[in-house]
Structures are given as structure tokens and as C-alpha cells.
Amino acid sequence: MSDLRTEAVPLVDGDELSLTVAEPQGTARGGIVVLHEARGITEGIRGLVEGIAGDGWLVVAPHLYHLGENGEVDGEDEQVAEKIAGLDAERVIADADTAFGWLADHGVTSDRMGVIGFDLGGTVALHVAANRRLGAAVTVAGGGVAEPLGPLAPLVSVAPELTCPWLGIYGDRDDPAPLDALLTAARESQVAADLVTYPGQGHRFDDDPAIAEDAWARMLNWFDAHLR
């Protein structure tokens, strides 16, 4: 696997979008867009980009906050909340499009493109999968299930529009009703849809190594099954 690197892509409005990129050894099986958590391009997200590339995928993570090469919010939770509230729904989709375009420029066809998001990115991933033709999508602990998250509409209202196979992975099922409603809505789309929960686990269920390993395997298996 190549070293992790960051590229700047010029946009039509004169701005530029930073992309964190990792390449697999040998020929890529396809391409995965990784959408970051609420704090941006953290060390954890960089590790996920590298790990997915290690499984044979060409991976690109757009910096949705447009903070430059670093891409991580350095501040308190209030500042993170301000960043989320300041997002523009159309701009977020456009940034994902730029990442997909980057994959296309590197020889990846749309049926071999997937998207996965964590936390905030999990929410964005479902929105992307409802608005673009892709091979597969995964949402990990995406918020805004029944209520809007910043500018992003509730996931239950978006899920019936899914255009590709979608997998949701969540922890903490103290109140199962919103997640049950999300899966029901996703299955209205007539594409393959599944939702896995880890009962008794919090929002960051990856604190448990065994559960994190299980979630990781489920994510990779989903892409293996649908990106061919």
C-alpha cells in the first residue's frame, strides 16, 4: 500500500477541495469514498482510509469542512456543532461528487464505487446513496435518523430513495423505534438493505475491540458482495 497523501483539487467556484488518498498494492478492486466523522479527518479516519486500501481498494476521503490539508476540527464540542450546522447539503453532495470524479479519473467505474461514512459521514453517505448511482453504501453510526442533522434531512425521509445496496451499522439500541423505521424506509427503495445493531453499546461501539472487528468485517463483506 502506498503512503497516505493529501491532494488539492480545484473547484469551479475558485475554491479547492482537499482529498486524503490511499492506494492498494497492485490493481485496485474498485474505489471507496470515505466520509469523515464530525471532527473531520481525524487520525481514526486516516487509519480507516489506510485499512480499506489494505483490503485492495483505491480510497479517497474528501475534507467536507474545507479546512485545508489537515481537515480536523481543533476545538470544543460547540465548535464541532457549529461546523455541522454550517454545512450546505448541496455542497456536501458536490464534494462527494468530486471524490467520485477523482476515482473515475483513476479508472474506477461507477458500479465498482462505494461510499462509507462514520458519524456525520454516515449520515452523508446515505444521502449520497439516495442521490447518486453507485455500487454500494455503508452508514456507520450516522446521526439524524428521525430528526434533521444540521442541513441534512432525516435519514428516514431519504432512505426510500436509495439507489444502491445499503448497510447500516449502529450501537446503543435503547430506543429501537428510529432504527427499525430507518430499515423499513430503506427497504422501500427496493434495493438490498440491512441494518446491524450492537445492543448495549454506545454511539462509539468501536471502543469494544471484538465489536469493532465484527463491524469492520461486515463492512468489507458488503463491498465484496456488491462491488463486482
C-alpha atoms as a PDB file:
ATOM      1  CA  MET A   1       0.000   0.000   0.000  1.00  0.00           C
ATOM      2  CA  SER A   2       1.216   3.480  -0.832  1.00  0.00           C
ATOM      3  CA  ASP A   3       1.710   6.159   1.791  1.00  0.00           C
ATOM      4  CA  LEU A   4      -1.278   8.221   2.783  1.00  0.00           C
ATOM      5  CA  ARG A   5      -1.264  11.542   0.958  1.00  0.00           C
ATOM      6  CA  THR A   6      -3.431  14.643   0.543  1.00  0.00           C
ATOM      7  CA  GLU A   7      -4.227  16.220  -2.813  1.00  0.00           C
ATOM      8  CA  ALA A   8      -5.924  19.551  -3.543  1.00  0.00           C
ATOM      9  CA  VAL A   9      -8.498  19.536  -6.341  1.00  0.00           C
ATOM     10  CA  PRO A  10      -9.574  22.907  -7.823  1.00  0.00           C
ATOM     11  CA  LEU A  11     -13.330  23.534  -7.934  1.00  0.00           C
ATOM     12  CA  VAL A  12     -15.295  25.546 -10.474  1.00  0.00           C
ATOM     13  CA  ASP A  13     -16.108  28.261  -7.916  1.00  0.00           C
ATOM     14  CA  GLY A  14     -12.416  29.008  -7.391  1.00  0.00           C
ATOM     15  CA  ASP A  15     -12.213  27.106  -4.109  1.00  0.00           C
ATOM     16  CA  GLU A  16     -10.353  23.821  -3.761  1.00  0.00           C
ATOM     17  CA  LEU A  17     -11.176  20.535  -2.067  1.00  0.00           C
ATOM     18  CA  SER A  18      -8.567  18.534  -0.171  1.00  0.00           C
ATOM     19  CA  LEU A  19      -8.687  14.773  -0.632  1.00  0.00           C
ATOM     20  CA  THR A  20      -6.897  12.273   1.596  1.00  0.00           C
ATOM     21  CA  VAL A  21      -5.918   9.324  -0.592  1.00  0.00           C
ATOM     22  CA  ALA A  22      -4.514   5.816  -0.169  1.00  0.00           C
ATOM     23  CA  GLU A  23      -3.779   3.286  -2.923  1.00  0.00           C
ATOM     24  CA  PRO A  24      -3.644  -0.516  -2.655  1.00  0.00           C
ATOM     25  CA  GLN A  25      -0.767  -2.667  -3.738  1.00  0.00           C
ATOM     26  CA  GLY A  26      -1.316  -3.867  -7.293  1.00  0.00           C
ATOM     27  CA  THR A  27      -4.512  -3.347  -9.260  1.00  0.00           C
ATOM     28  CA  ALA A  28      -7.403  -1.836  -7.320  1.00  0.00           C
ATOM     29  CA  ARG A  29     -10.560  -3.901  -6.939  1.00  0.00           C
ATOM     30  CA  GLY A  30     -12.609  -0.703  -7.110  1.00  0.00           C
ATOM     31  CA  GLY A  31     -12.879   2.589  -5.275  1.00  0.00           C
ATOM     32  CA  ILE A  32     -14.282   3.650  -1.913  1.00  0.00           C
ATOM     33  CA  VAL A  33     -15.140   7.182  -0.816  1.00  0.00           C
ATOM     34  CA  VAL A  34     -14.755   7.601   2.957  1.00  0.00           C
ATOM     35  CA  LEU A  35     -16.804  10.388   4.539  1.00  0.00           C
ATOM     36  CA  HIS A  36     -15.391  11.676   7.797  1.00  0.00           C
ATOM     37  CA  GLU A  37     -16.818  11.979  11.286  1.00  0.00           C
ATOM     38  CA  ALA A  38     -17.985  15.180  12.975  1.00  0.00           C
ATOM     39  CA  ARG A  39     -14.442  16.202  13.942  1.00  0.00           C
ATOM     40  CA  GLY A  40     -13.206  15.901  10.386  1.00  0.00           C
ATOM     41  CA  ILE A  41     -10.205  13.998   9.060  1.00  0.00           C
ATOM     42  CA  THR A  42      -9.010  12.594  12.377  1.00  0.00           C
ATOM     43  CA  GLU A  43      -6.267  10.037  12.952  1.00  0.00           C
ATOM     44  CA  GLY A  44      -9.024   7.435  13.199  1.00  0.00           C
ATOM     45  CA  ILE A  45     -10.343   8.348   9.754  1.00  0.00           C
ATOM     46  CA  ARG A  46      -6.826   8.258   8.309  1.00  0.00           C
ATOM     47  CA  GLY A  47      -6.408   4.791   9.786  1.00  0.00           C
ATOM     48  CA  LEU A  48      -9.667   3.658   8.189  1.00  0.00           C
ATOM     49  CA  VAL A  49      -8.591   5.017   4.807  1.00  0.00           C
ATOM     50  CA  GLU A  50      -5.332   3.074   5.067  1.00  0.00           C
ATOM     51  CA  GLY A  51      -7.095  -0.072   6.299  1.00  0.00           C
ATOM     52  CA  ILE A  52      -9.616  -0.138   3.456  1.00  0.00           C
ATOM     53  CA  ALA A  53      -6.812   0.424   0.937  1.00  0.00           C
ATOM     54  CA  GLY A  54      -5.039  -2.510   2.537  1.00  0.00           C
ATOM     55  CA  ASP A  55      -8.010  -4.666   1.524  1.00  0.00           C
ATOM     56  CA  GLY A  56      -7.369  -3.807  -2.117  1.00  0.00           C
ATOM     57  CA  TRP A  57      -9.428  -0.670  -2.717  1.00  0.00           C
ATOM     58  CA  LEU A  58      -8.453   2.751  -4.031  1.00  0.00           C
ATOM     59  CA  VAL A  59      -9.667   5.069  -1.262  1.00  0.00           C
ATOM     60  CA  VAL A  60     -10.354   8.799  -1.156  1.00  0.00           C
ATOM     61  CA  ALA A  61     -11.707  10.912   1.716  1.00  0.00           C
ATOM     62  CA  PRO A  62     -12.939  14.438   0.881  1.00  0.00           C
ATOM     63  CA  HIS A  63     -12.430  17.147   3.527  1.00  0.00           C
ATOM     64  CA  LEU A  64     -16.044  18.300   3.847  1.00  0.00           C
ATOM     65  CA  TYR A  65     -15.255  21.232   6.134  1.00  0.00           C
ATOM     66  CA  HIS A  66     -12.783  22.763   3.650  1.00  0.00           C
ATOM     67  CA  LEU A  67     -10.155  23.307   6.349  1.00  0.00           C
ATOM     68  CA  GLY A  68      -7.213  22.637   4.086  1.00  0.00           C
ATOM     69  CA  GLU A  69      -4.743  19.782   4.283  1.00  0.00           C
ATOM     70  CA  ASN A  70      -5.223  18.994   7.978  1.00  0.00           C
ATOM     71  CA  GLY A  71      -9.006  18.707   7.845  1.00  0.00           C
ATOM     72  CA  GLU A  72      -9.595  18.185  11.578  1.00  0.00           C
ATOM     73  CA  VAL A  73     -11.640  20.456  13.847  1.00  0.00           C
ATOM     74  CA  ASP A  74      -9.416  21.571  16.721  1.00  0.00           C
ATOM     75  CA  GLY A  75     -11.813  22.759  19.403  1.00  0.00           C
ATOM     76  CA  GLU A  76     -14.624  22.018  21.815  1.00  0.00           C
ATOM     77  CA  ASP A  77     -17.879  20.218  21.015  1.00  0.00           C
ATOM     78  CA  GLU A  78     -19.595  23.573  20.470  1.00  0.00           C
ATOM     79  CA  GLN A  79     -17.191  24.332  17.612  1.00  0.00           C
ATOM     80  CA  VAL A  80     -17.872  20.931  16.093  1.00  0.00           C
ATOM     81  CA  ALA A  81     -21.610  21.610  16.284  1.00  0.00           C
ATOM     82  CA  GLU A  82     -21.043  24.944  14.529  1.00  0.00           C
ATOM     83  CA  LYS A  83     -19.169  23.200  11.727  1.00  0.00           C
ATOM     84  CA  ILE A  84     -22.026  20.730  11.224  1.00  0.00           C
ATOM     85  CA  ALA A  85     -24.628  23.499  11.272  1.00  0.00           C
ATOM     86  CA  GLY A  86     -22.572  25.450   8.738  1.00  0.00           C
ATOM     87  CA  LEU A  87     -22.524  22.687   6.153  1.00  0.00           C
ATOM     88  CA  ASP A  88     -24.507  23.130   2.960  1.00  0.00           C
ATOM     89  CA  ALA A  89     -26.374  19.989   1.858  1.00  0.00           C
ATOM     90  CA  GLU A  90     -25.784  20.600  -1.853  1.00  0.00           C
ATOM     91  CA  ARG A  91     -22.114  21.425  -1.287  1.00  0.00           C
ATOM     92  CA  VAL A  92     -21.601  18.205   0.662  1.00  0.00           C
ATOM     93  CA  ILE A  93     -23.042  16.157  -2.208  1.00  0.00           C
ATOM     94  CA  ALA A  94     -20.900  18.133  -4.649  1.00  0.00           C
ATOM     95  CA  ASP A  95     -17.775  17.354  -2.611  1.00  0.00           C
ATOM     96  CA  ALA A  96     -18.654  13.658  -2.711  1.00  0.00           C
ATOM     97  CA  ASP A  97     -19.091  14.012  -6.482  1.00  0.00           C
ATOM     98  CA  THR A  98     -15.573  15.441  -6.689  1.00  0.00           C
ATOM     99  CA  ALA A  99     -14.262  12.373  -4.866  1.00  0.00           C
ATOM    100  CA  PHE A 100     -16.157  10.036  -7.204  1.00  0.00           C
ATOM    101  CA  GLY A 101     -14.812  12.012 -10.146  1.00  0.00           C
ATOM    102  CA  TRP A 102     -11.299  11.515  -8.809  1.00  0.00           C
ATOM    103  CA  LEU A 103     -11.920   7.758  -8.697  1.00  0.00           C
ATOM    104  CA  ALA A 104     -13.292   7.830 -12.255  1.00  0.00           C
ATOM    105  CA  ASP A 105     -10.177   9.677 -13.419  1.00  0.00           C
ATOM    106  CA  HIS A 106      -8.183   6.797 -11.947  1.00  0.00           C
ATOM    107  CA  GLY A 107     -10.078   4.146 -13.893  1.00  0.00           C
ATOM    108  CA  VAL A 108     -12.839   3.135 -11.468  1.00  0.00           C
ATOM    109  CA  THR A 109     -16.307   2.669 -12.991  1.00  0.00           C
ATOM    110  CA  SER A 110     -19.416   3.723 -11.045  1.00  0.00           C
ATOM    111  CA  ASP A 111     -20.579   0.151 -10.434  1.00  0.00           C
ATOM    112  CA  ARG A 112     -17.288  -0.503  -8.619  1.00  0.00           C
ATOM    113  CA  MET A 113     -17.550   2.643  -6.471  1.00  0.00           C
ATOM    114  CA  GLY A 114     -18.751   2.508  -2.884  1.00  0.00           C
ATOM    115  CA  VAL A 115     -19.224   5.041  -0.122  1.00  0.00           C
ATOM    116  CA  ILE A 116     -18.864   4.624   3.613  1.00  0.00           C
ATOM    117  CA  GLY A 117     -19.316   7.231   6.303  1.00  0.00           C
ATOM    118  CA  PHE A 118     -18.802   7.381  10.035  1.00  0.00           C
ATOM    119  CA  ASP A 119     -20.879   9.507  12.428  1.00  0.00           C
ATOM    120  CA  LEU A 120     -21.618  12.699  10.432  1.00  0.00           C
ATOM    121  CA  GLY A 121     -20.177  10.967   7.383  1.00  0.00           C
ATOM    122  CA  GLY A 122     -22.553   8.052   7.870  1.00  0.00           C
ATOM    123  CA  THR A 123     -25.450  10.446   7.532  1.00  0.00           C
ATOM    124  CA  VAL A 124     -23.926  11.999   4.424  1.00  0.00           C
ATOM    125  CA  ALA A 125     -23.254   8.542   2.938  1.00  0.00           C
ATOM    126  CA  LEU A 126     -26.942   7.655   2.953  1.00  0.00           C
ATOM    127  CA  HIS A 127     -27.824  10.996   1.377  1.00  0.00           C
ATOM    128  CA  VAL A 128     -25.224  10.382  -1.335  1.00  0.00           C
ATOM    129  CA  ALA A 129     -26.525   6.860  -1.951  1.00  0.00           C
ATOM    130  CA  ALA A 130     -30.047   8.266  -2.394  1.00  0.00           C
ATOM    131  CA  ASN A 131     -28.919  10.857  -4.929  1.00  0.00           C
ATOM    132  CA  ARG A 132     -26.207   9.139  -6.983  1.00  0.00           C
ATOM    133  CA  ARG A 133     -25.840   5.821  -8.840  1.00  0.00           C
ATOM    134  CA  LEU A 134     -23.177   3.764  -7.071  1.00  0.00           C
ATOM    135  CA  GLY A 135     -22.339   0.165  -6.374  1.00  0.00           C
ATOM    136  CA  ALA A 136     -22.877   0.069  -2.587  1.00  0.00           C
ATOM    137  CA  ALA A 137     -23.057   2.217   0.537  1.00  0.00           C
ATOM    138  CA  VAL A 138     -22.433   1.755   4.274  1.00  0.00           C
ATOM    139  CA  THR A 139     -23.526   4.021   7.125  1.00  0.00           C
ATOM    140  CA  VAL A 140     -21.754   3.602  10.462  1.00  0.00           C
ATOM    141  CA  ALA A 141     -23.424   5.306  13.436  1.00  0.00           C
ATOM    142  CA  GLY A 142     -24.928   8.039  11.282  1.00  0.00           C
ATOM    143  CA  GLY A 143     -26.946  10.582  13.258  1.00  0.00           C
ATOM    144  CA  GLY A 144     -30.081  12.425  12.237  1.00  0.00           C
ATOM    145  CA  VAL A 145     -32.140   9.254  11.886  1.00  0.00           C
ATOM    146  CA  ALA A 146     -35.533  10.720  12.780  1.00  0.00           C
ATOM    147  CA  GLU A 147     -34.611  14.418  13.066  1.00  0.00           C
ATOM    148  CA  PRO A 148     -32.501  16.646  10.802  1.00  0.00           C
ATOM    149  CA  LEU A 149     -28.758  16.784  11.370  1.00  0.00           C
ATOM    150  CA  GLY A 150     -27.682  20.310  10.570  1.00  0.00           C
ATOM    151  CA  PRO A 151     -28.807  20.956   6.981  1.00  0.00           C
ATOM    152  CA  LEU A 152     -29.303  17.244   6.274  1.00  0.00           C
ATOM    153  CA  ALA A 153     -32.857  15.876   6.176  1.00  0.00           C
ATOM    154  CA  PRO A 154     -33.773  12.949   8.489  1.00  0.00           C
ATOM    155  CA  LEU A 155     -32.491   9.638   7.194  1.00  0.00           C
ATOM    156  CA  VAL A 156     -35.927   8.011   7.435  1.00  0.00           C
ATOM    157  CA  SER A 157     -37.178  10.515   4.852  1.00  0.00           C
ATOM    158  CA  VAL A 158     -34.245   9.892   2.495  1.00  0.00           C
ATOM    159  CA  ALA A 159     -33.842   6.111   2.722  1.00  0.00           C
ATOM    160  CA  PRO A 160     -36.767   5.206   0.411  1.00  0.00           C
ATOM    161  CA  GLU A 161     -34.802   6.869  -2.410  1.00  0.00           C
ATOM    162  CA  LEU A 162     -31.706   4.658  -2.084  1.00  0.00           C
ATOM    163  CA  THR A 163     -30.283   3.664  -5.466  1.00  0.00           C
ATOM    164  CA  CYS A 164     -27.757   1.032  -4.353  1.00  0.00           C
ATOM    165  CA  PRO A 165     -27.363  -1.694  -1.713  1.00  0.00           C
ATOM    166  CA  TRP A 166     -27.089  -0.081   1.737  1.00  0.00           C
ATOM    167  CA  LEU A 167     -25.864  -1.390   5.089  1.00  0.00           C
ATOM    168  CA  GLY A 168     -26.372   0.433   8.383  1.00  0.00           C
ATOM    169  CA  ILE A 169     -24.214  -0.358  11.429  1.00  0.00           C
ATOM    170  CA  TYR A 170     -25.262   1.088  14.775  1.00  0.00           C
ATOM    171  CA  GLY A 171     -24.694   0.764  18.508  1.00  0.00           C
ATOM    172  CA  ASP A 172     -26.885   1.587  21.522  1.00  0.00           C
ATOM    173  CA  ARG A 173     -30.346   0.312  20.797  1.00  0.00           C
ATOM    174  CA  ASP A 174     -32.034   1.534  23.981  1.00  0.00           C
ATOM    175  CA  ASP A 175     -34.746   3.029  21.756  1.00  0.00           C
ATOM    176  CA  PRO A 176     -35.112   0.693  18.773  1.00  0.00           C
ATOM    177  CA  ALA A 177     -38.011   2.503  17.096  1.00  0.00           C
ATOM    178  CA  PRO A 178     -35.994   5.038  14.992  1.00  0.00           C
ATOM    179  CA  LEU A 179     -33.617   2.375  13.678  1.00  0.00           C
ATOM    180  CA  ASP A 180     -36.484  -0.019  12.923  1.00  0.00           C
ATOM    181  CA  ALA A 181     -38.150   2.815  10.999  1.00  0.00           C
ATOM    182  CA  LEU A 182     -34.900   3.502   9.118  1.00  0.00           C
ATOM    183  CA  LEU A 183     -34.568  -0.102   7.973  1.00  0.00           C
ATOM    184  CA  THR A 184     -38.225  -0.189   6.925  1.00  0.00           C
ATOM    185  CA  ALA A 185     -37.734   3.022   4.937  1.00  0.00           C
ATOM    186  CA  ALA A 186     -34.548   1.694   3.311  1.00  0.00           C
ATOM    187  CA  ARG A 187     -36.336  -1.457   2.185  1.00  0.00           C
ATOM    188  CA  GLU A 188     -38.982   0.673   0.465  1.00  0.00           C
ATOM    189  CA  SER A 189     -36.257   1.559  -2.033  1.00  0.00           C
ATOM    190  CA  GLN A 190     -36.363  -1.985  -3.459  1.00  0.00           C
ATOM    191  CA  VAL A 191     -32.563  -2.314  -3.221  1.00  0.00           C
ATOM    192  CA  ALA A 192     -30.756  -4.659  -0.859  1.00  0.00           C
ATOM    193  CA  ALA A 193     -30.786  -3.119   2.626  1.00  0.00           C
ATOM    194  CA  ASP A 194     -29.750  -4.341   6.061  1.00  0.00           C
ATOM    195  CA  LEU A 195     -29.128  -2.774   9.461  1.00  0.00           C
ATOM    196  CA  VAL A 196     -26.986  -4.305  12.197  1.00  0.00           C
ATOM    197  CA  THR A 197     -27.098  -3.139  15.793  1.00  0.00           C
ATOM    198  CA  TYR A 198     -24.909  -3.973  18.778  1.00  0.00           C
ATOM    199  CA  PRO A 199     -27.276  -3.929  21.788  1.00  0.00           C
ATOM    200  CA  GLY A 200     -25.975  -2.287  24.919  1.00  0.00           C
ATOM    201  CA  GLN A 201     -23.258  -0.433  23.041  1.00  0.00           C
ATOM    202  CA  GLY A 202     -22.947   3.330  22.832  1.00  0.00           C
ATOM    203  CA  HIS A 203     -22.627   5.552  19.795  1.00  0.00           C
ATOM    204  CA  ARG A 204     -18.898   4.752  19.551  1.00  0.00           C
ATOM    205  CA  PHE A 205     -19.267   0.993  19.745  1.00  0.00           C
ATOM    206  CA  ASP A 206     -15.781   0.647  18.257  1.00  0.00           C
ATOM    207  CA  ASP A 207     -14.436   1.057  21.808  1.00  0.00           C
ATOM    208  CA  ASP A 208     -15.014  -2.708  22.094  1.00  0.00           C
ATOM    209  CA  PRO A 209     -12.308  -4.439  20.002  1.00  0.00           C
ATOM    210  CA  ALA A 210     -14.393  -7.538  19.286  1.00  0.00           C
ATOM    211  CA  ILE A 211     -17.374  -5.493  18.113  1.00  0.00           C
ATOM    212  CA  ALA A 212     -15.151  -3.184  16.083  1.00  0.00           C
ATOM    213  CA  GLU A 213     -13.643  -6.227  14.356  1.00  0.00           C
ATOM    214  CA  ASP A 214     -17.105  -7.624  13.602  1.00  0.00           C
ATOM    215  CA  ALA A 215     -18.294  -4.278  12.182  1.00  0.00           C
ATOM    216  CA  TRP A 216     -15.138  -3.997  10.065  1.00  0.00           C
ATOM    217  CA  ALA A 217     -15.707  -7.477   8.601  1.00  0.00           C
ATOM    218  CA  ARG A 218     -19.359  -6.709   7.841  1.00  0.00           C
ATOM    219  CA  MET A 219     -18.381  -3.529   6.017  1.00  0.00           C
ATOM    220  CA  LEU A 220     -15.756  -5.247   3.878  1.00  0.00           C
ATOM    221  CA  ASN A 221     -18.104  -8.159   3.135  1.00  0.00           C
ATOM    222  CA  TRP A 222     -20.789  -5.732   1.977  1.00  0.00           C
ATOM    223  CA  PHE A 223     -18.431  -4.151  -0.521  1.00  0.00           C
ATOM    224  CA  ASP A 224     -17.102  -7.574  -1.571  1.00  0.00           C
ATOM    225  CA  ALA A 225     -20.648  -8.746  -2.306  1.00  0.00           C
ATOM    226  CA  HIS A 226     -21.881  -5.698  -4.225  1.00  0.00           C
ATOM    227  CA  LEU A 227     -18.878  -4.107  -5.964  1.00  0.00           C
ATOM    228  CA  ARG A 228     -18.096  -6.516  -8.778  1.00  0.00           C
END
